[in-house]
Amino acid sequence: MSNYCLLSSRSSEVFALGVGPSAVCGVTGEYTRSVPSRVVVGCSAEDRWKARPHGGAVNRREAITQLGAGALAVTFLDRSAGRSAAVQQNQLPGRIPGLSDADEKGVRTYRRPDGKSGGHGVGWSPIIPYTFKVPTDWQEIPVSIADLGGTEIDLRFQSPSEGNISVIVAPVLRFSSELGDNVKIEDIGEPQKVIDAFGPEITGQNVEGKVRNMDVKKYGGRTYYQYELDVPHMLVTATAAGNRLYLLSVTANGRQWKKFAPDLRDIQDSFRVEA
């Protein structure tokens, strides 16, 4: 019975399938009897010994059969690796889907899943679920601590044609240690104070003179501060709950803003933190 052993070469990035004493190159199709044992990967000790250089004749038909088997083996491994990577990505902490089905207007609702990880340090209240509207073609993208917002950024969405969404969840201790665990945004301060404090973190620059509009709205007994900034086009909604400040920002370039401003304003205005 033949013993198969998958071989690879780091320098040339080719594969070979060894049968007994020899191997067939998966790129050139040439048969070789000189396969260094150091390039054998994923093989048993017995297979590695059989891949060492020593005599043995194999005819052309056997070589072609071995080459075909090698290609199948590599294809199988590649597909298995792809499935494994997909499973791992779907199981990454914090990447639990939270989108509803699209409504009749093609708009979905994102709700932060109850089981999503992050932000549950000792002494902190759990992150309260928040919701906002998302057009159908927007996709959630991975969060990096290198992004603006650092470790406090909780979520990102992106549409190549329309813009970007991010949500920051920050401790109110950044304002005061005496605010307690059931904070309202009015307790933190006036709208100008909030945007002065968090604007640079959201935009990456000083926001002085760049706040075009500010507004205060109430939904479900909770107060929300809303802003429009010229950096170049950014909409922000902020509120507080528990001992955290919640900020949603929607950004767009000039072309995106010109075409989709009403839709982006709808996203901004839809942001809610559950009671």
Protein backbone atom coordinates (compact mmCIF):
# COMPACT_ATOMS: atom_id res chain seq x y z
CA MET A 1 0.00 0.00 0.00
CA SER A 2 1.30 3.44 -0.93
CA ASN A 3 2.05 5.99 1.80
CA TYR A 4 1.32 9.59 0.89
CA CYS A 5 3.15 12.56 2.39
CA LEU A 6 2.51 16.23 1.52
CA LEU A 7 5.70 18.19 1.03
CA SER A 8 6.38 21.89 0.51
CA SER A 9 9.34 24.12 -0.29
CA ARG A 10 9.48 27.48 1.46
CA SER A 11 11.88 29.01 -1.08
CA SER A 12 9.90 28.16 -4.23
CA GLU A 13 6.46 27.73 -2.64
CA VAL A 14 5.72 24.48 -4.46
CA PHE A 15 4.17 21.31 -3.16
CA ALA A 16 5.02 17.67 -3.74
CA LEU A 17 3.37 14.39 -2.92
CA GLY A 18 5.71 11.67 -1.75
CA VAL A 19 5.02 7.99 -2.30
CA GLY A 20 7.47 5.72 -0.60
CA PRO A 21 10.96 6.99 -1.34
CA SER A 22 10.18 9.75 -3.86
CA ALA A 23 7.93 12.70 -4.74
CA VAL A 24 6.24 14.46 -7.66
CA CYS A 25 6.53 18.27 -7.94
CA GLY A 26 3.07 19.89 -8.03
CA VAL A 27 4.29 22.77 -10.23
CA THR A 28 6.59 21.16 -12.83
CA GLY A 29 5.21 17.63 -12.73
CA GLU A 30 8.76 16.32 -12.61
CA TYR A 31 9.57 13.26 -10.59
CA THR A 32 12.32 13.52 -8.03
CA ARG A 33 14.11 11.11 -5.76
CA SER A 34 15.89 13.82 -3.82
CA VAL A 35 13.45 15.40 -1.37
CA PRO A 36 15.14 16.86 1.72
CA SER A 37 13.42 15.69 4.88
CA ARG A 38 13.51 19.24 6.27
CA VAL A 39 10.76 20.37 3.86
CA VAL A 40 8.32 17.67 4.94
CA VAL A 41 5.31 19.13 6.74
CA GLY A 42 2.28 17.52 8.30
CA CYS A 43 3.72 13.98 8.05
CA SER A 44 4.24 11.14 10.47
CA ALA A 45 7.71 10.02 11.50
CA GLU A 46 7.37 7.01 9.21
CA ASP A 47 6.41 9.20 6.24
CA ARG A 48 9.28 11.59 6.88
CA TRP A 49 11.69 8.62 6.83
CA LYS A 50 10.23 7.43 3.52
CA ALA A 51 10.77 10.86 2.00
CA ARG A 52 14.52 10.63 2.56
CA PRO A 53 16.69 10.20 -0.55
CA HIS A 54 17.16 6.58 -1.58
CA GLY A 55 16.61 4.43 -4.63
CA GLY A 56 13.41 3.26 -6.19
CA ALA A 57 11.96 3.39 -9.70
CA VAL A 58 8.49 4.68 -10.50
CA ASN A 59 7.03 4.72 -13.96
CA ARG A 60 5.35 7.64 -15.74
CA ARG A 61 1.78 6.44 -15.03
CA GLU A 62 2.48 6.24 -11.31
CA ALA A 63 4.02 9.72 -11.35
CA ILE A 64 0.97 11.21 -13.09
CA THR A 65 -1.35 9.45 -10.64
CA GLN A 66 0.67 10.84 -7.72
CA LEU A 67 0.57 14.35 -9.19
CA GLY A 68 -3.22 14.24 -9.50
CA ALA A 69 -3.56 12.99 -5.96
CA GLY A 70 -1.27 15.79 -4.77
CA ALA A 71 -3.41 18.46 -6.42
CA LEU A 72 -6.54 16.99 -4.84
CA ALA A 73 -4.84 16.94 -1.46
CA VAL A 74 -3.80 20.58 -1.71
CA THR A 75 -7.29 21.60 -2.92
CA PHE A 76 -8.85 19.76 0.00
CA LEU A 77 -6.49 21.42 2.49
CA ASP A 78 -7.11 24.87 1.00
CA ARG A 79 -10.89 24.45 1.18
CA SER A 80 -10.71 23.06 4.70
CA ALA A 81 -8.55 26.01 5.79
CA GLY A 82 -11.05 28.43 4.24
CA ARG A 83 -13.97 26.85 6.08
CA SER A 84 -12.00 26.88 9.33
CA ALA A 85 -11.11 30.57 8.91
CA ALA A 86 -14.75 31.45 8.19
CA VAL A 87 -15.91 29.61 11.30
CA GLN A 88 -13.30 31.34 13.43
CA GLN A 89 -14.23 34.76 12.07
CA ASN A 90 -17.92 34.21 12.78
CA GLN A 91 -17.06 33.21 16.33
CA LEU A 92 -14.83 36.19 17.11
CA PRO A 93 -15.87 37.91 20.35
CA GLY A 94 -17.92 41.02 19.73
CA ARG A 95 -18.91 40.10 16.16
CA ILE A 96 -22.41 38.84 16.94
CA PRO A 97 -24.81 39.98 14.21
CA GLY A 98 -27.33 42.57 15.39
CA LEU A 99 -29.16 43.60 12.21
CA SER A 100 -32.83 43.09 11.53
CA ASP A 101 -34.30 42.26 8.15
CA ALA A 102 -34.85 45.21 5.81
CA ASP A 103 -38.19 46.99 5.97
CA GLU A 104 -40.25 48.07 2.96
CA LYS A 105 -37.89 51.02 2.42
CA GLY A 106 -34.80 48.81 2.41
CA VAL A 107 -33.67 49.98 5.85
CA ARG A 108 -32.51 47.69 8.64
CA THR A 109 -32.28 48.30 12.40
CA TYR A 110 -29.09 47.55 14.29
CA ARG A 111 -29.47 46.64 17.96
CA ARG A 112 -26.37 45.93 20.03
CA PRO A 113 -26.67 42.22 20.92
CA ASP A 114 -27.04 41.36 24.60
CA GLY A 115 -24.25 38.78 24.27
CA LYS A 116 -21.72 41.07 22.62
CA SER A 117 -18.45 41.29 24.52
CA GLY A 118 -16.55 44.39 25.53
CA GLY A 119 -16.78 47.15 28.10
CA HIS A 120 -17.65 45.01 31.12
CA GLY A 121 -14.81 45.92 33.42
CA VAL A 122 -15.01 45.68 37.20
CA GLY A 123 -17.08 48.50 38.63
CA TRP A 124 -18.79 49.31 35.34
CA SER A 125 -22.41 48.78 34.48
CA PRO A 126 -23.07 46.59 31.41
CA ILE A 127 -23.29 48.40 28.09
CA ILE A 128 -26.97 49.14 27.57
CA PRO A 129 -28.20 48.07 24.13
CA TYR A 130 -28.52 50.86 21.59
CA THR A 131 -30.23 50.97 18.20
CA PHE A 132 -30.07 52.93 14.96
CA LYS A 133 -31.21 52.63 11.36
CA VAL A 134 -28.86 51.25 8.68
CA PRO A 135 -29.50 51.32 4.91
CA THR A 136 -29.32 47.88 3.32
CA ASP A 137 -25.92 48.18 1.63
CA TRP A 138 -24.01 49.21 4.78
CA GLN A 139 -21.81 46.53 6.34
CA GLU A 140 -20.33 46.11 9.80
CA ILE A 141 -16.53 46.21 9.73
CA PRO A 142 -13.94 45.09 12.31
CA VAL A 143 -12.97 47.60 15.00
CA SER A 144 -9.31 48.42 15.56
CA ILE A 145 -7.91 50.03 18.69
CA ALA A 146 -5.77 52.11 16.31
CA ASP A 147 -8.93 53.81 15.01
CA LEU A 148 -10.09 57.17 16.27
CA GLY A 149 -11.88 56.42 19.52
CA GLY A 150 -9.29 53.83 20.56
CA THR A 151 -10.43 51.11 22.94
CA GLU A 152 -13.72 52.92 23.55
CA ILE A 153 -15.02 52.43 20.02
CA ASP A 154 -17.71 49.77 20.14
CA LEU A 155 -18.90 49.46 16.54
CA ARG A 156 -18.25 50.51 12.95
CA PHE A 157 -20.34 50.36 9.79
CA GLN A 158 -19.30 51.39 6.31
CA SER A 159 -20.75 51.98 2.86
CA PRO A 160 -18.22 52.76 0.11
CA SER A 161 -20.80 54.90 -1.66
CA GLU A 162 -22.42 56.68 1.32
CA GLY A 163 -20.07 57.03 4.29
CA ASN A 164 -19.13 55.64 7.69
CA ILE A 165 -20.78 55.08 11.07
CA SER A 166 -19.07 54.58 14.42
CA VAL A 167 -20.29 54.25 17.99
CA ILE A 168 -18.12 55.18 20.99
CA VAL A 169 -19.01 54.10 24.50
CA ALA A 170 -16.93 56.05 27.03
CA PRO A 171 -16.85 56.23 30.85
CA VAL A 172 -18.39 59.35 32.38
CA LEU A 173 -15.46 59.35 34.81
CA ARG A 174 -13.66 61.31 32.14
CA PHE A 175 -15.82 64.24 33.22
CA SER A 176 -16.23 63.66 36.94
CA SER A 177 -15.90 60.93 39.58
CA GLU A 178 -19.05 62.18 41.32
CA LEU A 179 -21.63 61.57 38.60
CA GLY A 180 -22.70 58.16 39.92
CA ASP A 181 -24.06 55.15 38.06
CA ASN A 182 -27.29 56.53 36.59
CA VAL A 183 -26.11 59.54 34.63
CA LYS A 184 -28.10 61.76 32.31
CA ILE A 185 -26.27 63.73 29.69
CA GLU A 186 -27.53 66.94 31.30
CA ASP A 187 -25.49 65.95 34.38
CA ILE A 188 -22.32 65.97 32.28
CA GLY A 189 -22.88 69.45 30.94
CA GLU A 190 -24.20 71.60 28.14
CA PRO A 191 -23.92 70.45 24.51
CA GLN A 192 -20.86 72.62 23.89
CA LYS A 193 -18.96 71.04 26.79
CA VAL A 194 -19.63 67.53 25.53
CA ILE A 195 -18.52 68.19 21.95
CA ASP A 196 -15.45 70.13 23.10
CA ALA A 197 -14.42 67.14 25.21
CA PHE A 198 -15.09 64.35 22.69
CA GLY A 199 -14.90 66.15 19.36
CA PRO A 200 -11.12 65.76 18.99
CA GLU A 201 -11.38 62.06 19.82
CA ILE A 202 -14.05 61.51 17.19
CA THR A 203 -12.58 63.71 14.46
CA GLY A 204 -8.85 63.58 15.17
CA GLN A 205 -8.65 67.38 15.31
CA ASN A 206 -9.72 70.38 17.33
CA VAL A 207 -13.40 71.13 16.68
CA GLU A 208 -13.31 74.77 17.72
CA GLY A 209 -15.12 76.80 15.07
CA LYS A 210 -16.20 73.65 13.20
CA VAL A 211 -19.52 72.98 14.93
CA ARG A 212 -22.10 74.22 12.47
CA ASN A 213 -25.25 73.27 14.39
CA MET A 214 -26.23 71.93 17.82
CA ASP A 215 -29.63 70.65 18.89
CA VAL A 216 -31.22 69.01 21.92
CA LYS A 217 -33.94 66.36 21.57
CA LYS A 218 -35.79 64.03 23.90
CA TYR A 219 -36.94 60.51 23.08
CA GLY A 220 -38.45 58.13 25.62
CA GLY A 221 -37.47 60.36 28.52
CA ARG A 222 -33.80 60.44 27.50
CA THR A 223 -32.02 63.58 26.26
CA TYR A 224 -29.85 63.48 23.12
CA TYR A 225 -27.41 66.13 21.95
CA GLN A 226 -27.06 66.37 18.16
CA TYR A 227 -24.31 68.10 16.22
CA GLU A 228 -23.29 68.88 12.66
CA LEU A 229 -19.57 69.48 12.12
CA ASP A 230 -17.55 70.63 9.14
CA VAL A 231 -14.81 67.96 9.25
CA PRO A 232 -15.59 67.68 6.35
CA HIS A 233 -19.14 66.42 6.94
CA MET A 234 -19.95 64.77 10.26
CA LEU A 235 -23.17 64.23 12.22
CA VAL A 236 -22.99 63.25 15.91
CA THR A 237 -25.61 62.17 18.44
CA ALA A 238 -24.64 61.84 22.11
CA THR A 239 -26.48 60.67 25.22
CA ALA A 240 -25.68 59.10 28.60
CA ALA A 241 -26.96 56.01 30.39
CA GLY A 242 -25.68 54.05 33.37
CA ASN A 243 -22.17 55.36 33.92
CA ARG A 244 -21.33 55.69 30.23
CA LEU A 245 -21.55 58.25 27.46
CA TYR A 246 -22.80 56.96 24.07
CA LEU A 247 -21.84 58.76 20.86
CA LEU A 248 -22.83 57.87 17.31
CA SER A 249 -21.02 59.63 14.47
CA VAL A 250 -21.85 59.56 10.76
CA THR A 251 -19.18 60.84 8.37
CA ALA A 252 -19.14 61.47 4.61
CA ASN A 253 -16.94 63.11 2.01
CA GLY A 254 -18.19 65.94 -0.19
CA ARG A 255 -19.57 63.71 -2.93
CA GLN A 256 -21.32 61.38 -0.46
CA TRP A 257 -22.78 64.29 1.48
CA LYS A 258 -24.16 65.96 -1.61
CA LYS A 259 -26.00 62.82 -2.67
CA PHE A 260 -26.97 61.16 0.62
CA ALA A 261 -27.26 63.92 3.25
CA PRO A 262 -30.96 63.21 4.01
CA ASP A 263 -30.25 59.49 4.55
CA LEU A 264 -27.27 60.28 6.77
CA ARG A 265 -29.38 62.63 8.86
CA ASP A 266 -31.96 59.86 9.26
CA ILE A 267 -29.24 57.58 10.65
CA GLN A 268 -28.15 60.26 13.10
CA ASP A 269 -31.69 60.97 14.26
CA SER A 270 -32.50 57.26 14.73
CA PHE A 271 -29.90 56.64 17.45
CA ARG A 272 -31.47 55.46 20.73
CA VAL A 273 -30.16 53.94 23.95
CA GLU A 274 -32.72 51.65 25.56
CA ALA A 275 -34.25 52.73 28.86
